[in-house]
Amino acid sequence: MKKYLLNTETVEKKLQRLALELIENNLDVPELILVGIEEHGVVLAKNIQQLIQKNSKIATQLLTLQLNKKKPEAVTLSREIDFTNKVIVLIDDVTNSGKTLLYALKPFLNAHPARIQTLVLVERTHTLFPITPDYKGISLATTLQDHIYVEVEGDKVTGAYLA
């Protein structure tokens, strides 16, 4: 028996709210570079991109970022672009220790972006690294033994549960 934190309907509402927050906080920005962390972060980024396009005139580019979440030594982007003075939004499904988001910053550190923001669907509040998401769908205090899983079907997030 899965203990659901978010069902499909709640996820849709959270994503809508997250997209609107992104728009509100970036009204002066002509373009957002959305970077989804494989795998589920990419699905979230695609959904956020559609909602931004539906609700604003802010242009978006979508990139995917790939890394081994257990040993994140190599970090690769789907394509290279000039990040100078751009606003980057790094997107993942869940923050656990903060390690994935920390290492996902590597490709942008020497690129001189204007701003880097982070967005997650579920934030766990016991990070081991100094990473706090700027945008979060839900924030939970969990034990280190708890695991949160985000379910995806195709390009749609269908829920999140605690195990």
C-alpha atoms as a PDB file:
ATOM      1  CA  MET A   1       0.000   0.000   0.000  1.00  0.00           C
ATOM      2  CA  LYS A   2       1.504   3.316  -1.125  1.00  0.00           C
ATOM      3  CA  LYS A   3       1.155   6.345   1.135  1.00  0.00           C
ATOM      4  CA  TYR A   4       0.493   9.121  -1.407  1.00  0.00           C
ATOM      5  CA  LEU A   5       1.595  12.639  -0.612  1.00  0.00           C
ATOM      6  CA  LEU A   6       0.374  14.022  -3.948  1.00  0.00           C
ATOM      7  CA  ASN A   7      -2.145  12.610  -6.406  1.00  0.00           C
ATOM      8  CA  THR A   8      -2.500  13.570 -10.073  1.00  0.00           C
ATOM      9  CA  GLU A   9      -4.903  16.450  -9.383  1.00  0.00           C
ATOM     10  CA  THR A  10      -2.749  17.875  -6.590  1.00  0.00           C
ATOM     11  CA  VAL A  11       0.405  17.593  -8.724  1.00  0.00           C
ATOM     12  CA  GLU A  12      -1.301  19.587 -11.500  1.00  0.00           C
ATOM     13  CA  LYS A  13      -2.236  22.330  -9.011  1.00  0.00           C
ATOM     14  CA  LYS A  14       1.281  22.403  -7.563  1.00  0.00           C
ATOM     15  CA  LEU A  15       2.841  22.663 -11.030  1.00  0.00           C
ATOM     16  CA  GLN A  16       0.454  25.486 -11.976  1.00  0.00           C
ATOM     17  CA  ARG A  17       1.378  27.375  -8.793  1.00  0.00           C
ATOM     18  CA  LEU A  18       5.109  26.773  -9.328  1.00  0.00           C
ATOM     19  CA  ALA A  19       4.906  28.055 -12.911  1.00  0.00           C
ATOM     20  CA  LEU A  20       3.036  31.182 -11.791  1.00  0.00           C
ATOM     21  CA  GLU A  21       5.621  31.829  -9.051  1.00  0.00           C
ATOM     22  CA  LEU A  22       8.402  31.510 -11.637  1.00  0.00           C
ATOM     23  CA  ILE A  23       6.611  33.977 -13.904  1.00  0.00           C
ATOM     24  CA  GLU A  24       5.988  36.462 -11.062  1.00  0.00           C
ATOM     25  CA  ASN A  25       9.610  36.361  -9.920  1.00  0.00           C
ATOM     26  CA  ASN A  26      10.977  36.756 -13.437  1.00  0.00           C
ATOM     27  CA  LEU A  27       8.690  39.363 -15.018  1.00  0.00           C
ATOM     28  CA  ASP A  28      11.711  41.429 -16.062  1.00  0.00           C
ATOM     29  CA  VAL A  29      13.407  38.456 -17.749  1.00  0.00           C
ATOM     30  CA  PRO A  30      13.009  37.946 -21.526  1.00  0.00           C
ATOM     31  CA  GLU A  31      13.956  34.249 -21.372  1.00  0.00           C
ATOM     32  CA  LEU A  32      14.265  31.410 -18.874  1.00  0.00           C
ATOM     33  CA  ILE A  33      16.584  28.455 -19.405  1.00  0.00           C
ATOM     34  CA  LEU A  34      14.813  25.467 -17.852  1.00  0.00           C
ATOM     35  CA  VAL A  35      17.177  22.608 -17.037  1.00  0.00           C
ATOM     36  CA  GLY A  36      15.513  19.339 -16.087  1.00  0.00           C
ATOM     37  CA  ILE A  37      17.586  16.759 -14.247  1.00  0.00           C
ATOM     38  CA  GLU A  38      17.027  13.319 -15.771  1.00  0.00           C
ATOM     39  CA  GLU A  39      14.752  11.538 -15.415  1.00  0.00           C
ATOM     40  CA  HIS A  40      11.752  12.959 -13.599  1.00  0.00           C
ATOM     41  CA  GLY A  41      13.114  16.497 -13.466  1.00  0.00           C
ATOM     42  CA  VAL A  42      12.889  16.568 -17.271  1.00  0.00           C
ATOM     43  CA  VAL A  43       9.190  15.670 -17.150  1.00  0.00           C
ATOM     44  CA  LEU A  44       8.594  18.395 -14.562  1.00  0.00           C
ATOM     45  CA  ALA A  45      10.558  20.905 -16.681  1.00  0.00           C
ATOM     46  CA  LYS A  46       8.448  20.112 -19.765  1.00  0.00           C
ATOM     47  CA  ASN A  47       5.249  20.641 -17.778  1.00  0.00           C
ATOM     48  CA  ILE A  48       6.539  23.891 -16.271  1.00  0.00           C
ATOM     49  CA  GLN A  49       7.610  25.085 -19.737  1.00  0.00           C
ATOM     50  CA  GLN A  50       4.106  24.484 -21.139  1.00  0.00           C
ATOM     51  CA  LEU A  51       2.524  26.344 -18.231  1.00  0.00           C
ATOM     52  CA  ILE A  52       4.909  29.304 -18.602  1.00  0.00           C
ATOM     53  CA  GLN A  53       4.147  29.500 -22.337  1.00  0.00           C
ATOM     54  CA  LYS A  54       0.409  29.330 -21.604  1.00  0.00           C
ATOM     55  CA  ASN A  55       0.469  32.016 -18.911  1.00  0.00           C
ATOM     56  CA  SER A  56       3.134  34.505 -20.021  1.00  0.00           C
ATOM     57  CA  LYS A  57       5.180  35.903 -22.868  1.00  0.00           C
ATOM     58  CA  ILE A  58       8.500  34.826 -21.295  1.00  0.00           C
ATOM     59  CA  ALA A  59      10.489  32.754 -23.793  1.00  0.00           C
ATOM     60  CA  THR A  60      11.871  29.443 -22.572  1.00  0.00           C
ATOM     61  CA  GLN A  61      14.546  26.995 -23.604  1.00  0.00           C
ATOM     62  CA  LEU A  62      14.565  23.452 -22.266  1.00  0.00           C
ATOM     63  CA  LEU A  63      17.752  21.511 -21.610  1.00  0.00           C
ATOM     64  CA  THR A  64      18.277  18.179 -19.935  1.00  0.00           C
ATOM     65  CA  LEU A  65      21.039  17.478 -17.469  1.00  0.00           C
ATOM     66  CA  GLN A  66      22.375  14.014 -16.876  1.00  0.00           C
ATOM     67  CA  LEU A  67      24.399  12.803 -13.914  1.00  0.00           C
ATOM     68  CA  ASN A  68      24.765   9.720 -11.773  1.00  0.00           C
ATOM     69  CA  LYS A  69      22.878  10.685  -8.627  1.00  0.00           C
ATOM     70  CA  LYS A  70      24.867   8.226  -6.481  1.00  0.00           C
ATOM     71  CA  LYS A  71      28.317   9.350  -7.780  1.00  0.00           C
ATOM     72  CA  PRO A  72      27.777  12.667  -9.591  1.00  0.00           C
ATOM     73  CA  GLU A  73      31.262  13.153 -11.020  1.00  0.00           C
ATOM     74  CA  ALA A  74      30.349  13.685 -14.682  1.00  0.00           C
ATOM     75  CA  VAL A  75      27.570  16.162 -15.448  1.00  0.00           C
ATOM     76  CA  THR A  76      26.419  16.553 -19.054  1.00  0.00           C
ATOM     77  CA  LEU A  77      23.932  18.863 -20.726  1.00  0.00           C
ATOM     78  CA  SER A  78      21.790  17.945 -23.744  1.00  0.00           C
ATOM     79  CA  ARG A  79      23.397  20.864 -25.601  1.00  0.00           C
ATOM     80  CA  GLU A  80      25.748  23.721 -24.919  1.00  0.00           C
ATOM     81  CA  ILE A  81      24.501  27.298 -25.061  1.00  0.00           C
ATOM     82  CA  ASP A  82      25.824  30.626 -23.833  1.00  0.00           C
ATOM     83  CA  PHE A  83      24.579  31.072 -20.259  1.00  0.00           C
ATOM     84  CA  THR A  84      26.108  34.518 -19.809  1.00  0.00           C
ATOM     85  CA  ASN A  85      23.576  36.850 -18.154  1.00  0.00           C
ATOM     86  CA  LYS A  86      20.806  34.235 -18.517  1.00  0.00           C
ATOM     87  CA  VAL A  87      18.393  33.081 -15.837  1.00  0.00           C
ATOM     88  CA  ILE A  88      18.686  29.342 -15.299  1.00  0.00           C
ATOM     89  CA  VAL A  89      16.062  27.287 -13.484  1.00  0.00           C
ATOM     90  CA  LEU A  90      17.355  23.911 -12.335  1.00  0.00           C
ATOM     91  CA  ILE A  91      14.465  21.427 -11.926  1.00  0.00           C
ATOM     92  CA  ASP A  92      14.322  18.069 -10.134  1.00  0.00           C
ATOM     93  CA  ASP A  93      11.621  15.918  -8.573  1.00  0.00           C
ATOM     94  CA  VAL A  94      12.837  15.532  -4.960  1.00  0.00           C
ATOM     95  CA  THR A  95      15.591  17.031  -2.830  1.00  0.00           C
ATOM     96  CA  ASN A  96      17.057  14.439  -0.533  1.00  0.00           C
ATOM     97  CA  SER A  97      20.469  15.493   0.702  1.00  0.00           C
ATOM     98  CA  GLY A  98      20.874  18.409  -1.730  1.00  0.00           C
ATOM     99  CA  LYS A  99      23.807  16.628  -3.395  1.00  0.00           C
ATOM    100  CA  THR A 100      22.172  16.268  -6.827  1.00  0.00           C
ATOM    101  CA  LEU A 101      21.269  19.962  -7.071  1.00  0.00           C
ATOM    102  CA  LEU A 102      24.720  20.940  -5.811  1.00  0.00           C
ATOM    103  CA  TYR A 103      26.541  18.882  -8.446  1.00  0.00           C
ATOM    104  CA  ALA A 104      24.049  19.913 -11.132  1.00  0.00           C
ATOM    105  CA  LEU A 105      25.369  23.466 -10.750  1.00  0.00           C
ATOM    106  CA  LYS A 106      28.797  22.474 -12.143  1.00  0.00           C
ATOM    107  CA  PRO A 107      28.161  23.303 -15.844  1.00  0.00           C
ATOM    108  CA  PHE A 108      27.006  26.810 -14.949  1.00  0.00           C
ATOM    109  CA  LEU A 109      29.683  27.926 -12.484  1.00  0.00           C
ATOM    110  CA  ASN A 110      32.058  29.409 -15.060  1.00  0.00           C
ATOM    111  CA  ALA A 111      29.309  30.602 -17.395  1.00  0.00           C
ATOM    112  CA  HIS A 112      28.425  33.849 -15.544  1.00  0.00           C
ATOM    113  CA  PRO A 113      24.620  33.502 -15.506  1.00  0.00           C
ATOM    114  CA  ALA A 114      22.519  36.392 -14.197  1.00  0.00           C
ATOM    115  CA  ARG A 115      20.751  34.104 -11.745  1.00  0.00           C
ATOM    116  CA  ILE A 116      20.306  30.413 -10.968  1.00  0.00           C
ATOM    117  CA  GLN A 117      17.074  29.287  -9.373  1.00  0.00           C
ATOM    118  CA  THR A 118      16.047  25.817  -8.214  1.00  0.00           C
ATOM    119  CA  LEU A 119      12.643  24.157  -8.373  1.00  0.00           C
ATOM    120  CA  VAL A 120      11.547  20.806  -6.943  1.00  0.00           C
ATOM    121  CA  LEU A 121       8.203  19.098  -6.588  1.00  0.00           C
ATOM    122  CA  VAL A 122       9.052  17.680  -3.137  1.00  0.00           C
ATOM    123  CA  GLU A 123      11.558  19.188  -0.707  1.00  0.00           C
ATOM    124  CA  ARG A 124      12.811  17.084   2.170  1.00  0.00           C
ATOM    125  CA  THR A 125      14.000  19.299   4.992  1.00  0.00           C
ATOM    126  CA  HIS A 126      17.100  17.385   6.096  1.00  0.00           C
ATOM    127  CA  THR A 127      19.628  18.343   3.446  1.00  0.00           C
ATOM    128  CA  LEU A 128      23.310  17.619   4.038  1.00  0.00           C
ATOM    129  CA  PHE A 129      24.502  20.273   1.582  1.00  0.00           C
ATOM    130  CA  PRO A 130      23.740  24.031   1.616  1.00  0.00           C
ATOM    131  CA  ILE A 131      20.983  23.795  -0.981  1.00  0.00           C
ATOM    132  CA  THR A 132      17.469  25.116  -0.453  1.00  0.00           C
ATOM    133  CA  PRO A 133      15.079  25.120  -3.418  1.00  0.00           C
ATOM    134  CA  ASP A 134      13.691  28.499  -4.442  1.00  0.00           C
ATOM    135  CA  TYR A 135      10.425  26.915  -5.543  1.00  0.00           C
ATOM    136  CA  LYS A 136       8.882  23.811  -4.008  1.00  0.00           C
ATOM    137  CA  GLY A 137       5.562  22.083  -4.484  1.00  0.00           C
ATOM    138  CA  ILE A 138       5.555  20.574  -1.010  1.00  0.00           C
ATOM    139  CA  SER A 139       8.039  20.577   1.865  1.00  0.00           C
ATOM    140  CA  LEU A 140       8.235  17.619   4.251  1.00  0.00           C
ATOM    141  CA  ALA A 141      10.116  16.709   7.385  1.00  0.00           C
ATOM    142  CA  THR A 142      11.016  13.043   6.929  1.00  0.00           C
ATOM    143  CA  THR A 143      13.448  10.620   8.480  1.00  0.00           C
ATOM    144  CA  LEU A 144      16.646   9.669   6.674  1.00  0.00           C
ATOM    145  CA  GLN A 145      15.197   6.182   6.210  1.00  0.00           C
ATOM    146  CA  ASP A 146      12.102   7.455   4.377  1.00  0.00           C
ATOM    147  CA  HIS A 147      12.105   7.546   0.600  1.00  0.00           C
ATOM    148  CA  ILE A 148       9.905   9.683  -1.616  1.00  0.00           C
ATOM    149  CA  TYR A 149       9.088   8.452  -5.092  1.00  0.00           C
ATOM    150  CA  VAL A 150       7.581  10.534  -7.878  1.00  0.00           C
ATOM    151  CA  GLU A 151       5.481   8.613 -10.392  1.00  0.00           C
ATOM    152  CA  VAL A 152       5.518   9.566 -14.055  1.00  0.00           C
ATOM    153  CA  GLU A 153       3.543   8.237 -16.997  1.00  0.00           C
ATOM    154  CA  GLY A 154       4.867   9.535 -20.295  1.00  0.00           C
ATOM    155  CA  ASP A 155       5.093  13.324 -20.002  1.00  0.00           C
ATOM    156  CA  LYS A 156       2.756  13.542 -17.016  1.00  0.00           C
ATOM    157  CA  VAL A 157       3.521  13.407 -13.309  1.00  0.00           C
ATOM    158  CA  THR A 158       0.856  11.239 -11.719  1.00  0.00           C
ATOM    159  CA  GLY A 159       1.783  11.365  -8.032  1.00  0.00           C
ATOM    160  CA  ALA A 160       4.321  11.171  -5.242  1.00  0.00           C
ATOM    161  CA  TYR A 161       4.403   8.765  -2.347  1.00  0.00           C
ATOM    162  CA  LEU A 162       6.367   8.033   0.797  1.00  0.00           C
ATOM    163  CA  ALA A 163       7.905   4.615   1.363  1.00  0.00           C
END
